[in-house]
């Protein structure tokens, strides 16, 4: 019976030692994980700021491109209007007849629907 009791005591001592070692390692693991997570959190905050700056820069660039496209479009419309005006002043009769024909067709279509 002494052999069984001695074996149980040794087993109990071994379990206590393992439990103490586990508690020590648990603290170390928690500290290590907290340190890694704090670094991860700091990195995410830094990246968030970088992304915000990049989005702001992209927004500014898009606004510049939109303004430039608007200016180019306005300029092109003015050029076309000037060309049409020149052509109408040089030879107005085809345009007058085209407007008269279009008006006649619209009047016919509207008059017929009643």
PDB file of N, CA and C in Angstrom:
ATOM      1  N   UNK A   1       0.810  -1.179   0.000  1.00  0.00           N
ATOM      2  CA  UNK A   1       0.000   0.000   0.000  1.00  0.00           C
ATOM      3  C   UNK A   1       0.857   1.247   0.000  1.00  0.00           C
ATOM      4  N   UNK A   2       2.042   1.135   0.591  1.00  0.00           N
ATOM      5  CA  UNK A   2       2.963   2.261   0.611  1.00  0.00           C
ATOM      6  C   UNK A   2       3.388   2.657  -0.805  1.00  0.00           C
ATOM      7  N   UNK A   3       3.484   1.697  -1.652  1.00  0.00           N
ATOM      8  CA  UNK A   3       3.890   1.959  -3.032  1.00  0.00           C
ATOM      9  C   UNK A   3       2.816   2.777  -3.742  1.00  0.00           C
ATOM     10  N   UNK A   4       1.550   2.441  -3.514  1.00  0.00           N
ATOM     11  CA  UNK A   4       0.436   3.152  -4.145  1.00  0.00           C
ATOM     12  C   UNK A   4       0.351   4.561  -3.600  1.00  0.00           C
ATOM     13  N   UNK A   5       0.514   4.736  -2.288  1.00  0.00           N
ATOM     14  CA  UNK A   5       0.459   6.044  -1.655  1.00  0.00           C
ATOM     15  C   UNK A   5       1.609   6.909  -2.141  1.00  0.00           C
ATOM     16  N   UNK A   6       2.798   6.348  -2.233  1.00  0.00           N
ATOM     17  CA  UNK A   6       3.963   7.095  -2.706  1.00  0.00           C
ATOM     18  C   UNK A   6       3.761   7.500  -4.162  1.00  0.00           C
ATOM     19  N   UNK A   7       3.179   6.611  -4.971  1.00  0.00           N
ATOM     20  CA  UNK A   7       2.911   6.929  -6.379  1.00  0.00           C
ATOM     21  C   UNK A   7       1.885   8.034  -6.518  1.00  0.00           C
ATOM     22  N   UNK A   8       0.857   8.021  -5.646  1.00  0.00           N
ATOM     23  CA  UNK A   8      -0.177   9.073  -5.671  1.00  0.00           C
ATOM     24  C   UNK A   8       0.405  10.419  -5.269  1.00  0.00           C
ATOM     25  N   UNK A   9       1.292  10.391  -4.260  1.00  0.00           N
ATOM     26  CA  UNK A   9       1.917  11.646  -3.812  1.00  0.00           C
ATOM     27  C   UNK A   9       2.794  12.229  -4.926  1.00  0.00           C
ATOM     28  N   UNK A  10       3.564  11.371  -5.564  1.00  0.00           N
ATOM     29  CA  UNK A  10       4.425  11.833  -6.660  1.00  0.00           C
ATOM     30  C   UNK A  10       3.576  12.370  -7.812  1.00  0.00           C
ATOM     31  N   UNK A  11       2.481  11.718  -8.070  1.00  0.00           N
ATOM     32  CA  UNK A  11       1.575  12.155  -9.136  1.00  0.00           C
ATOM     33  C   UNK A  11       0.948  13.502  -8.783  1.00  0.00           C
ATOM     34  N   UNK A  12       0.558  13.673  -7.518  1.00  0.00           N
ATOM     35  CA  UNK A  12      -0.023  14.942  -7.057  1.00  0.00           C
ATOM     36  C   UNK A  12       1.003  16.055  -7.173  1.00  0.00           C
ATOM     37  N   UNK A  13       2.247  15.777  -6.771  1.00  0.00           N
ATOM     38  CA  UNK A  13       3.311  16.773  -6.863  1.00  0.00           C
ATOM     39  C   UNK A  13       3.563  17.157  -8.329  1.00  0.00           C
ATOM     40  N   UNK A  14       3.563  16.186  -9.188  1.00  0.00           N
ATOM     41  CA  UNK A  14       3.793  16.448 -10.614  1.00  0.00           C
ATOM     42  C   UNK A  14       2.666  17.303 -11.187  1.00  0.00           C
ATOM     43  N   UNK A  15       1.438  17.008 -10.789  1.00  0.00           N
ATOM     44  CA  UNK A  15       0.295  17.798 -11.261  1.00  0.00           C
ATOM     45  C   UNK A  15       0.365  19.235 -10.753  1.00  0.00           C
ATOM     46  N   UNK A  16       0.791  19.413  -9.487  1.00  0.00           N
ATOM     47  CA  UNK A  16       0.942  20.766  -8.928  1.00  0.00           C
ATOM     48  C   UNK A  16       2.007  21.541  -9.694  1.00  0.00           C
ATOM     49  N   UNK A  17       3.132  20.881  -9.973  1.00  0.00           N
ATOM     50  CA  UNK A  17       4.203  21.534 -10.733  1.00  0.00           C
ATOM     51  C   UNK A  17       3.727  21.934 -12.139  1.00  0.00           C
ATOM     52  N   UNK A  18       2.988  21.032 -12.774  1.00  0.00           N
ATOM     53  CA  UNK A  18       2.450  21.339 -14.104  1.00  0.00           C
ATOM     54  C   UNK A  18       1.458  22.494 -14.048  1.00  0.00           C
ATOM     55  N   UNK A  19       0.640  22.531 -13.003  1.00  0.00           N
ATOM     56  CA  UNK A  19      -0.345  23.602 -12.854  1.00  0.00           C
ATOM     57  C   UNK A  19       0.351  24.950 -12.653  1.00  0.00           C
ATOM     58  N   UNK A  20       1.402  24.969 -11.812  1.00  0.00           N
ATOM     59  CA  UNK A  20       2.158  26.204 -11.582  1.00  0.00           C
ATOM     60  C   UNK A  20       2.846  26.671 -12.868  1.00  0.00           C
ATOM     61  N   UNK A  21       3.432  25.735 -13.574  1.00  0.00           N
ATOM     62  CA  UNK A  21       4.099  26.082 -14.840  1.00  0.00           C
ATOM     63  C   UNK A  21       3.081  26.616 -15.844  1.00  0.00           C
ATOM     64  N   UNK A  22       1.900  26.015 -15.861  1.00  0.00           N
ATOM     65  CA  UNK A  22       0.860  26.475 -16.786  1.00  0.00           C
ATOM     66  C   UNK A  22       0.419  27.890 -16.433  1.00  0.00           C
ATOM     67  N   UNK A  23       0.296  28.188 -15.121  1.00  0.00           N
ATOM     68  CA  UNK A  23      -0.087  29.541 -14.700  1.00  0.00           C
ATOM     69  C   UNK A  23       0.971  30.563 -15.118  1.00  0.00           C
ATOM     70  N   UNK A  24       2.238  30.224 -14.949  1.00  0.00           N
ATOM     71  CA  UNK A  24       3.323  31.120 -15.346  1.00  0.00           C
ATOM     72  C   UNK A  24       3.304  31.350 -16.864  1.00  0.00           C
ATOM     73  N   UNK A  25       3.161  30.273 -17.599  1.00  0.00           N
ATOM     74  CA  UNK A  25       3.137  30.383 -19.058  1.00  0.00           C
ATOM     75  C   UNK A  25       1.888  31.128 -19.531  1.00  0.00           C
ATOM     76  N   UNK A  26       0.793  30.966 -18.802  1.00  0.00           N
ATOM     77  CA  UNK A  26      -0.439  31.665 -19.165  1.00  0.00           C
ATOM     78  C   UNK A  26      -0.217  33.165 -19.088  1.00  0.00           C
ATOM     79  N   UNK A  27       0.412  33.627 -18.024  1.00  0.00           N
ATOM     80  CA  UNK A  27       0.716  35.053 -17.880  1.00  0.00           C
ATOM     81  C   UNK A  27       1.636  35.532 -18.993  1.00  0.00           C
ATOM     82  N   UNK A  28       2.662  34.743 -19.282  1.00  0.00           N
ATOM     83  CA  UNK A  28       3.593  35.106 -20.349  1.00  0.00           C
ATOM     84  C   UNK A  28       2.882  35.177 -21.701  1.00  0.00           C
ATOM     85  N   UNK A  29       2.036  34.189 -21.971  1.00  0.00           N
ATOM     86  CA  UNK A  29       1.283  34.178 -23.229  1.00  0.00           C
ATOM     87  C   UNK A  29       0.344  35.371 -23.337  1.00  0.00           C
ATOM     88  N   UNK A  30      -0.324  35.705 -22.227  1.00  0.00           N
ATOM     89  CA  UNK A  30      -1.220  36.853 -22.245  1.00  0.00           C
ATOM     90  C   UNK A  30      -0.454  38.140 -22.525  1.00  0.00           C
ATOM     91  N   UNK A  31       0.686  38.307 -21.870  1.00  0.00           N
ATOM     92  CA  UNK A  31       1.506  39.506 -22.102  1.00  0.00           C
ATOM     93  C   UNK A  31       1.990  39.571 -23.543  1.00  0.00           C
ATOM     94  N   UNK A  32       2.424  38.431 -24.054  1.00  0.00           N
ATOM     95  CA  UNK A  32       2.919  38.389 -25.422  1.00  0.00           C
ATOM     96  C   UNK A  32       1.799  38.717 -26.411  1.00  0.00           C
ATOM     97  N   UNK A  33       0.611  38.131 -26.219  1.00  0.00           N
ATOM     98  CA  UNK A  33      -0.510  38.391 -27.116  1.00  0.00           C
ATOM     99  C   UNK A  33      -0.979  39.834 -27.033  1.00  0.00           C
ATOM    100  N   UNK A  34      -1.012  40.391 -25.821  1.00  0.00           N
ATOM    101  CA  UNK A  34      -1.410  41.785 -25.672  1.00  0.00           C
ATOM    102  C   UNK A  34      -0.433  42.696 -26.398  1.00  0.00           C
ATOM    103  N   UNK A  35       0.834  42.386 -26.301  1.00  0.00           N
ATOM    104  CA  UNK A  35       1.844  43.177 -27.003  1.00  0.00           C
ATOM    105  C   UNK A  35       1.671  43.083 -28.507  1.00  0.00           C
ATOM    106  N   UNK A  36       1.432  41.885 -29.018  1.00  0.00           N
ATOM    107  CA  UNK A  36       1.246  41.706 -30.462  1.00  0.00           C
ATOM    108  C   UNK A  36      -0.025  42.385 -30.927  1.00  0.00           C
ATOM    109  N   UNK A  37      -1.091  42.249 -30.140  1.00  0.00           N
ATOM    110  CA  UNK A  37      -2.349  42.881 -30.545  1.00  0.00           C
ATOM    111  C   UNK A  37      -2.256  44.398 -30.488  1.00  0.00           C
ATOM    112  N   UNK A  38      -1.492  44.928 -29.526  1.00  0.00           N
ATOM    113  CA  UNK A  38      -1.344  46.386 -29.476  1.00  0.00           C
ATOM    114  C   UNK A  38      -0.554  46.868 -30.691  1.00  0.00           C
ATOM    115  N   UNK A  39       0.450  46.104 -31.122  1.00  0.00           N
ATOM    116  CA  UNK A  39       1.188  46.463 -32.340  1.00  0.00           C
ATOM    117  C   UNK A  39       0.276  46.376 -33.556  1.00  0.00           C
ATOM    118  N   UNK A  40      -0.556  45.363 -33.581  1.00  0.00           N
ATOM    119  CA  UNK A  40      -1.494  45.197 -34.689  1.00  0.00           C
ATOM    120  C   UNK A  40      -2.489  46.353 -34.715  1.00  0.00           C
ATOM    121  N   UNK A  41      -2.975  46.731 -33.555  1.00  0.00           N
ATOM    122  CA  UNK A  41      -3.920  47.846 -33.466  1.00  0.00           C
ATOM    123  C   UNK A  41      -3.257  49.140 -33.942  1.00  0.00           C
ATOM    124  N   UNK A  42      -2.030  49.401 -33.525  1.00  0.00           N
ATOM    125  CA  UNK A  42      -1.305  50.594 -33.957  1.00  0.00           C
ATOM    126  C   UNK A  42      -1.094  50.574 -35.473  1.00  0.00           C
ATOM    127  N   UNK A  43      -0.764  49.416 -36.006  1.00  0.00           N
ATOM    128  CA  UNK A  43      -0.557  49.299 -37.453  1.00  0.00           C
ATOM    129  C   UNK A  43      -1.853  49.573 -38.203  1.00  0.00           C
ATOM    130  N   UNK A  44      -2.970  49.061 -37.701  1.00  0.00           N
ATOM    131  CA  UNK A  44      -4.257  49.308 -38.342  1.00  0.00           C
ATOM    132  C   UNK A  44      -4.627  50.790 -38.282  1.00  0.00           C
ATOM    133  N   UNK A  45      -4.352  51.439 -37.179  1.00  0.00           N
ATOM    134  CA  UNK A  45      -4.640  52.873 -37.061  1.00  0.00           C
ATOM    135  C   UNK A  45      -3.785  53.658 -38.052  1.00  0.00           C
ATOM    136  N   UNK A  46      -2.510  53.295 -38.168  1.00  0.00           N
ATOM    137  CA  UNK A  46      -1.630  53.961 -39.144  1.00  0.00           C
ATOM    138  C   UNK A  46      -2.137  53.759 -40.565  1.00  0.00           C
ATOM    139  N   UNK A  47      -2.537  52.535 -40.885  1.00  0.00           N
ATOM    140  CA  UNK A  47      -3.034  52.243 -42.235  1.00  0.00           C
ATOM    141  C   UNK A  47      -4.351  52.971 -42.493  1.00  0.00           C
ATOM    142  N   UNK A  48      -5.176  53.102 -41.466  1.00  0.00           N
ATOM    143  CA  UNK A  48      -6.442  53.811 -41.616  1.00  0.00           C
ATOM    144  C   UNK A  48      -6.188  55.266 -42.000  1.00  0.00           C
ATOM    145  N   UNK A  49      -5.205  55.880 -41.360  1.00  0.00           N
ATOM    146  CA  UNK A  49      -4.852  57.256 -41.692  1.00  0.00           C
ATOM    147  C   UNK A  49      -4.301  57.343 -43.118  1.00  0.00           C
ATOM    148  N   UNK A  50      -3.474  56.376 -43.503  1.00  0.00           N
ATOM    149  CA  UNK A  50      -2.925  56.356 -44.860  1.00  0.00           C
ATOM    150  C   UNK A  50      -4.038  56.218 -45.893  1.00  0.00           C
ATOM    151  N   UNK A  51      -5.001  55.347 -45.611  1.00  0.00           N
ATOM    152  CA  UNK A  51      -6.116  55.143 -46.537  1.00  0.00           C
ATOM    153  C   UNK A  51      -6.956  56.411 -46.631  1.00  0.00           C
ATOM    154  N   UNK A  52      -7.180  57.073 -45.510  1.00  0.00           N
ATOM    155  CA  UNK A  52      -7.959  58.313 -45.512  1.00  0.00           C
ATOM    156  C   UNK A  52      -7.265  59.374 -46.359  1.00  0.00           C
ATOM    157  N   UNK A  53      -5.954  59.477 -46.234  1.00  0.00           N
ATOM    158  CA  UNK A  53      -5.204  60.451 -47.041  1.00  0.00           C
ATOM    159  C   UNK A  53      -5.257  60.085 -48.524  1.00  0.00           C
ATOM    160  N   UNK A  54      -5.152  58.800 -48.820  1.00  0.00           N
ATOM    161  CA  UNK A  54      -5.201  58.362 -50.219  1.00  0.00           C
ATOM    162  C   UNK A  54      -6.575  58.633 -50.826  1.00  0.00           C
ATOM    163  N   UNK A  55      -7.637  58.396 -50.073  1.00  0.00           N
ATOM    164  CA  UNK A  55      -8.988  58.669 -50.569  1.00  0.00           C
ATOM    165  C   UNK A  55      -9.207  60.161 -50.778  1.00  0.00           C
ATOM    166  N   UNK A  56      -8.684  60.975 -49.879  1.00  0.00           N
ATOM    167  CA  UNK A  56      -8.802  62.421 -50.031  1.00  0.00           C
ATOM    168  C   UNK A  56      -8.060  62.886 -51.282  1.00  0.00           C
ATOM    169  N   UNK A  57      -6.869  62.354 -51.509  1.00  0.00           N
ATOM    170  CA  UNK A  57      -6.098  62.710 -52.706  1.00  0.00           C
ATOM    171  C   UNK A  57      -6.829  62.265 -53.971  1.00  0.00           C
ATOM    172  N   UNK A  58      -7.416  61.073 -53.947  1.00  0.00           N
ATOM    173  CA  UNK A  58      -8.169  60.578 -55.109  1.00  0.00           C
ATOM    174  C   UNK A  58      -9.393  61.450 -55.373  1.00  0.00           C
ATOM    175  N   UNK A  59     -10.040  61.896 -54.316  1.00  0.00           N
ATOM    176  CA  UNK A  59     -11.219  62.769 -54.462  1.00  0.00           C
ATOM    177  C   UNK A  59     -10.814  64.100 -55.105  1.00  0.00           C
ATOM    178  N   UNK A  60      -9.707  64.657 -54.631  1.00  0.00           N
ATOM    179  CA  UNK A  60      -9.238  65.919 -55.214  1.00  0.00           C
ATOM    180  C   UNK A  60      -8.888  65.745 -56.687  1.00  0.00           C
ATOM    181  N   UNK A  61      -8.224  64.649 -57.015  1.00  0.00           N
ATOM    182  CA  UNK A  61      -7.841  64.380 -58.397  1.00  0.00           C
ATOM    183  C   UNK A  61      -9.079  64.187 -59.274  1.00  0.00           C
ATOM    184  N   UNK A  62     -10.089  63.497 -58.756  1.00  0.00           N
ATOM    185  CA  UNK A  62     -11.327  63.285 -59.512  1.00  0.00           C
ATOM    186  C   UNK A  62     -12.046  64.611 -59.747  1.00  0.00           C
ATOM    187  N   UNK A  63     -12.041  65.472 -58.748  1.00  0.00           N
ATOM    188  CA  UNK A  63     -12.681  66.786 -58.902  1.00  0.00           C
ATOM    189  C   UNK A  63     -11.953  67.610 -59.969  1.00  0.00           C
ATOM    190  N   UNK A  64     -10.625  67.569 -59.958  1.00  0.00           N
ATOM    191  CA  UNK A  64      -9.856  68.298 -60.975  1.00  0.00           C
ATOM    192  C   UNK A  64     -10.168  67.770 -62.367  1.00  0.00           C
ATOM    193  N   UNK A  65     -10.246  66.443 -62.498  1.00  0.00           N
ATOM    194  CA  UNK A  65     -10.543  65.827 -63.792  1.00  0.00           C
ATOM    195  C   UNK A  65     -11.947  66.208 -64.258  1.00  0.00           C
ATOM    196  N   UNK A  66     -12.907  66.255 -63.335  1.00  0.00           N
ATOM    197  CA  UNK A  66     -14.278  66.620 -63.705  1.00  0.00           C
ATOM    198  C   UNK A  66     -14.350  68.072 -64.166  1.00  0.00           C
ATOM    199  N   UNK A  67     -13.660  68.953 -63.470  1.00  0.00           N
ATOM    200  CA  UNK A  67     -13.643  70.368 -63.861  1.00  0.00           C
ATOM    201  C   UNK A  67     -12.979  70.523 -65.225  1.00  0.00           C
ATOM    202  N   UNK A  68     -11.880  69.825 -65.438  1.00  0.00           N
ATOM    203  CA  UNK A  68     -11.173  69.902 -66.712  1.00  0.00           C
ATOM    204  C   UNK A  68     -12.053  69.366 -67.847  1.00  0.00           C
ATOM    205  N   UNK A  69     -12.740  68.256 -67.622  1.00  0.00           N
ATOM    206  CA  UNK A  69     -13.628  67.696 -68.641  1.00  0.00           C
ATOM    207  C   UNK A  69     -14.770  68.657 -68.947  1.00  0.00           C
ATOM    208  N   UNK A  70     -15.284  69.313 -67.933  1.00  0.00           N
ATOM    209  CA  UNK A  70     -16.360  70.289 -68.126  1.00  0.00           C
ATOM    210  C   UNK A  70     -15.874  71.464 -68.962  1.00  0.00           C
ATOM    211  N   UNK A  71     -14.675  71.937 -68.676  1.00  0.00           N
ATOM    212  CA  UNK A  71     -14.114  73.055 -69.442  1.00  0.00           C
ATOM    213  C   UNK A  71     -13.894  72.644 -70.897  1.00  0.00           C
ATOM    214  N   UNK A  72     -13.376  71.456 -71.110  1.00  0.00           N
ATOM    215  CA  UNK A  72     -13.142  70.970 -72.477  1.00  0.00           C
ATOM    216  C   UNK A  72     -14.466  70.822 -73.214  1.00  0.00           C
ATOM    217  N   UNK A  73     -15.477  70.274 -72.540  1.00  0.00           N
ATOM    218  CA  UNK A  73     -16.795  70.117 -73.158  1.00  0.00           C
ATOM    219  C   UNK A  73     -17.417  71.449 -73.517  1.00  0.00           C
ATOM    220  N   UNK A  74     -17.318  72.420 -72.626  1.00  0.00           N
ATOM    221  CA  UNK A  74     -17.856  73.755 -72.889  1.00  0.00           C
ATOM    222  C   UNK A  74     -17.148  74.395 -74.077  1.00  0.00           C
ATOM    223  N   UNK A  75     -15.838  74.253 -74.112  1.00  0.00           N
ATOM    224  CA  UNK A  75     -15.056  74.812 -75.222  1.00  0.00           C
ATOM    225  C   UNK A  75     -15.463  74.168 -76.552  1.00  0.00           C
ATOM    226  N   UNK A  76     -15.639  72.848 -76.536  1.00  0.00           N
ATOM    227  CA  UNK A  76     -16.017  72.127 -77.759  1.00  0.00           C
ATOM    228  C   UNK A  76     -17.406  72.550 -78.234  1.00  0.00           C
ATOM    229  N   UNK A  77     -18.357  72.730 -77.315  1.00  0.00           N
ATOM    230  CA  UNK A  77     -19.706  73.176 -77.683  1.00  0.00           C
ATOM    231  C   UNK A  77     -19.649  74.569 -78.296  1.00  0.00           C
ATOM    232  N   UNK A  78     -18.829  75.438 -77.742  1.00  0.00           N
ATOM    233  CA  UNK A  78     -18.690  76.794 -78.302  1.00  0.00           C
ATOM    234  C   UNK A  78     -18.127  76.730 -79.722  1.00  0.00           C
ATOM    235  N   UNK A  79     -17.130  75.854 -79.935  1.00  0.00           N
ATOM    236  CA  UNK A  79     -16.552  75.715 -81.275  1.00  0.00           C
ATOM    237  C   UNK A  79     -17.600  75.232 -82.272  1.00  0.00           C
ATOM    238  N   UNK A  80     -18.389  74.248 -81.888  1.00  0.00           N
ATOM    239  CA  UNK A  80     -19.425  73.714 -82.787  1.00  0.00           C
ATOM    240  C   UNK A  80     -20.471  74.782 -83.070  1.00  0.00           C
ATOM    241  N   UNK A  81     -20.881  75.523 -82.028  1.00  0.00           N
ATOM    242  CA  UNK A  81     -21.875  76.583 -82.220  1.00  0.00           C
ATOM    243  C   UNK A  81     -21.340  77.661 -83.153  1.00  0.00           C
ATOM    244  N   UNK A  82     -20.075  78.000 -83.027  1.00  0.00           N
ATOM    245  CA  UNK A  82     -19.464  78.999 -83.909  1.00  0.00           C
ATOM    246  C   UNK A  82     -19.436  78.496 -85.347  1.00  0.00           C
ATOM    247  N   UNK A  83     -19.088  77.225 -85.552  1.00  0.00           N
ATOM    248  CA  UNK A  83     -19.058  76.653 -86.902  1.00  0.00           C
ATOM    249  C   UNK A  83     -20.453  76.646 -87.530  1.00  0.00           C
ATOM    250  N   UNK A  84     -21.458  76.237 -86.759  1.00  0.00           N
ATOM    251  CA  UNK A  84     -22.829  76.217 -87.277  1.00  0.00           C
ATOM    252  C   UNK A  84     -23.282  77.628 -87.612  1.00  0.00           C
ATOM    253  N   UNK A  85     -22.948  78.579 -86.744  1.00  0.00           N
ATOM    254  CA  UNK A  85     -23.329  79.973 -86.992  1.00  0.00           C
ATOM    255  C   UNK A  85     -22.699  80.485 -88.290  1.00  0.00           C
ATOM    256  N   UNK A  86     -21.438  80.164 -88.526  1.00  0.00           N
ATOM    257  CA  UNK A  86     -20.769  80.577 -89.762  1.00  0.00           C
ATOM    258  C   UNK A  86     -21.457  79.978 -90.989  1.00  0.00           C
ATOM    259  N   UNK A  87     -21.780  78.680 -90.898  1.00  0.00           N
ATOM    260  CA  UNK A  87     -22.424  78.011 -92.035  1.00  0.00           C
ATOM    261  C   UNK A  87     -23.806  78.585 -92.313  1.00  0.00           C
ATOM    262  N   UNK A  88     -24.568  78.890 -91.266  1.00  0.00           N
ATOM    263  CA  UNK A  88     -25.910  79.452 -91.455  1.00  0.00           C
ATOM    264  C   UNK A  88     -25.807  80.850 -92.051  1.00  0.00           C
ATOM    265  N   UNK A  89     -24.847  81.631 -91.627  1.00  0.00           N
ATOM    266  CA  UNK A  89     -24.690  82.995 -92.162  1.00  0.00           C
ATOM    267  C   UNK A  89     -24.228  82.967 -93.624  1.00  0.00           C
ATOM    268  N   UNK A  90     -23.406  81.983 -93.980  1.00  0.00           N
ATOM    269  CA  UNK A  90     -22.920  81.899 -95.363  1.00  0.00           C
ATOM    270  C   UNK A  90     -24.010  81.406 -96.320  1.00  0.00           C
ATOM    271  N   UNK A  91     -24.789  80.428 -95.902  1.00  0.00           N
ATOM    272  CA  UNK A  91     -25.794  79.847 -96.775  1.00  0.00           C
ATOM    273  C   UNK A  91     -27.035  79.488 -95.933  1.00  0.00           C
ATOM    274  N   UNK A  92     -27.961  80.458 -95.694  1.00  0.00           N
ATOM    275  CA  UNK A  92     -29.067  80.227 -94.767  1.00  0.00           C
ATOM    276  C   UNK A  92     -30.223  79.413 -95.354  1.00  0.00           C
ATOM    277  N   UNK A  93     -30.405  79.356 -96.684  1.00  0.00           N
ATOM    278  CA  UNK A  93     -31.596  78.752 -97.276  1.00  0.00           C
ATOM    279  C   UNK A  93     -31.774  77.256 -96.975  1.00  0.00           C
ATOM    280  N   UNK A  94     -30.729  76.447 -96.985  1.00  0.00           N
ATOM    281  CA  UNK A  94     -30.959  75.035 -96.620  1.00  0.00           C
ATOM    282  C   UNK A  94     -31.477  74.879 -95.183  1.00  0.00           C
ATOM    283  N   UNK A  95     -30.993  75.712 -94.281  1.00  0.00           N
ATOM    284  CA  UNK A  95     -31.430  75.632 -92.884  1.00  0.00           C
ATOM    285  C   UNK A  95     -32.873  76.125 -92.731  1.00  0.00           C
ATOM    286  N   UNK A  96     -33.208  77.195 -93.453  1.00  0.00           N
ATOM    287  CA  UNK A  96     -34.581  77.703 -93.394  1.00  0.00           C
ATOM    288  C   UNK A  96     -35.545  76.663 -93.951  1.00  0.00           C
ATOM    289  N   UNK A  97     -35.188  76.028 -95.052  1.00  0.00           N
ATOM    290  CA  UNK A  97     -36.075  75.012 -95.627  1.00  0.00           C
ATOM    291  C   UNK A  97     -36.164  73.779 -94.715  1.00  0.00           C
ATOM    292  N   UNK A  98     -35.089  73.425 -94.060  1.00  0.00           N
ATOM    293  CA  UNK A  98     -35.102  72.296 -93.123  1.00  0.00           C
ATOM    294  C   UNK A  98     -36.015  72.570 -91.940  1.00  0.00           C
ATOM    295  N   UNK A  99     -35.966  73.785 -91.407  1.00  0.00           N
ATOM    296  CA  UNK A  99     -36.835  74.145 -90.286  1.00  0.00           C
ATOM    297  C   UNK A  99     -38.286  74.158 -90.745  1.00  0.00           C
ATOM    298  N   UNK A 100     -38.552  74.680 -91.949  1.00  0.00           N
ATOM    299  CA  UNK A 100     -39.919  74.717 -92.463  1.00  0.00           C
ATOM    300  C   UNK A 100     -40.448  73.294 -92.660  1.00  0.00           C
ATOM    301  N   UNK A 101     -39.655  72.417 -93.232  1.00  0.00           N
ATOM    302  CA  UNK A 101     -40.074  71.033 -93.444  1.00  0.00           C
ATOM    303  C   UNK A 101     -40.335  70.320 -92.114  1.00  0.00           C
ATOM    304  N   UNK A 102     -39.445  70.512 -91.134  1.00  0.00           N
ATOM    305  CA  UNK A 102     -39.632  69.919 -89.809  1.00  0.00           C
ATOM    306  C   UNK A 102     -40.897  70.432 -89.141  1.00  0.00           C
ATOM    307  N   UNK A 103     -41.164  71.724 -89.238  1.00  0.00           N
ATOM    308  CA  UNK A 103     -42.373  72.308 -88.651  1.00  0.00           C
ATOM    309  C   UNK A 103     -43.614  71.746 -89.323  1.00  0.00           C
ATOM    310  N   UNK A 104     -43.561  71.588 -90.660  1.00  0.00           N
ATOM    311  CA  UNK A 104     -44.693  71.033 -91.391  1.00  0.00           C
ATOM    312  C   UNK A 104     -44.989  69.600 -90.946  1.00  0.00           C
ATOM    313  N   UNK A 105     -43.947  68.788 -90.792  1.00  0.00           N
ATOM    314  CA  UNK A 105     -44.130  67.403 -90.339  1.00  0.00           C
ATOM    315  C   UNK A 105     -44.701  67.333 -88.910  1.00  0.00           C
ATOM    316  N   UNK A 106     -44.177  68.141 -88.023  1.00  0.00           N
ATOM    317  CA  UNK A 106     -44.685  68.155 -86.646  1.00  0.00           C
ATOM    318  C   UNK A 106     -46.148  68.609 -86.624  1.00  0.00           C
ATOM    319  N   UNK A 107     -46.482  69.644 -87.396  1.00  0.00           N
ATOM    320  CA  UNK A 107     -47.871  70.107 -87.478  1.00  0.00           C
ATOM    321  C   UNK A 107     -48.791  69.038 -88.042  1.00  0.00           C
ATOM    322  N   UNK A 108     -48.337  68.334 -89.054  1.00  0.00           N
ATOM    323  CA  UNK A 108     -49.136  67.263 -89.643  1.00  0.00           C
ATOM    324  C   UNK A 108     -49.383  66.144 -88.647  1.00  0.00           C
ATOM    325  N   UNK A 109     -48.324  65.739 -87.916  1.00  0.00           N
ATOM    326  CA  UNK A 109     -48.460  64.651 -86.948  1.00  0.00           C
ATOM    327  C   UNK A 109     -49.376  65.064 -85.805  1.00  0.00           C
ATOM    328  N   UNK A 110     -49.242  66.266 -85.288  1.00  0.00           N
ATOM    329  CA  UNK A 110     -50.089  66.722 -84.200  1.00  0.00           C
ATOM    330  C   UNK A 110     -51.525  66.929 -84.643  1.00  0.00           C
ATOM    331  N   UNK A 111     -51.722  67.440 -85.868  1.00  0.00           N
ATOM    332  CA  UNK A 111     -53.070  67.666 -86.385  1.00  0.00           C
ATOM    333  C   UNK A 111     -53.777  66.367 -86.671  1.00  0.00           C
ATOM    334  N   UNK A 112     -53.062  65.349 -87.045  1.00  0.00           N
ATOM    335  CA  UNK A 112     -53.664  64.071 -87.403  1.00  0.00           C
ATOM    336  C   UNK A 112     -54.097  63.274 -86.179  1.00  0.00           C
ATOM    337  N   UNK A 113     -53.474  63.486 -85.049  1.00  0.00           N
ATOM    338  CA  UNK A 113     -53.780  62.699 -83.859  1.00  0.00           C
ATOM    339  C   UNK A 113     -55.145  63.035 -83.287  1.00  0.00           C
ATOM    340  N   UNK A 114     -55.710  64.177 -83.624  1.00  0.00           N
ATOM    341  CA  UNK A 114     -57.025  64.563 -83.086  1.00  0.00           C
ATOM    342  C   UNK A 114     -58.075  63.884 -83.815  1.00  0.00           C
TER     343      UNK A 114
END
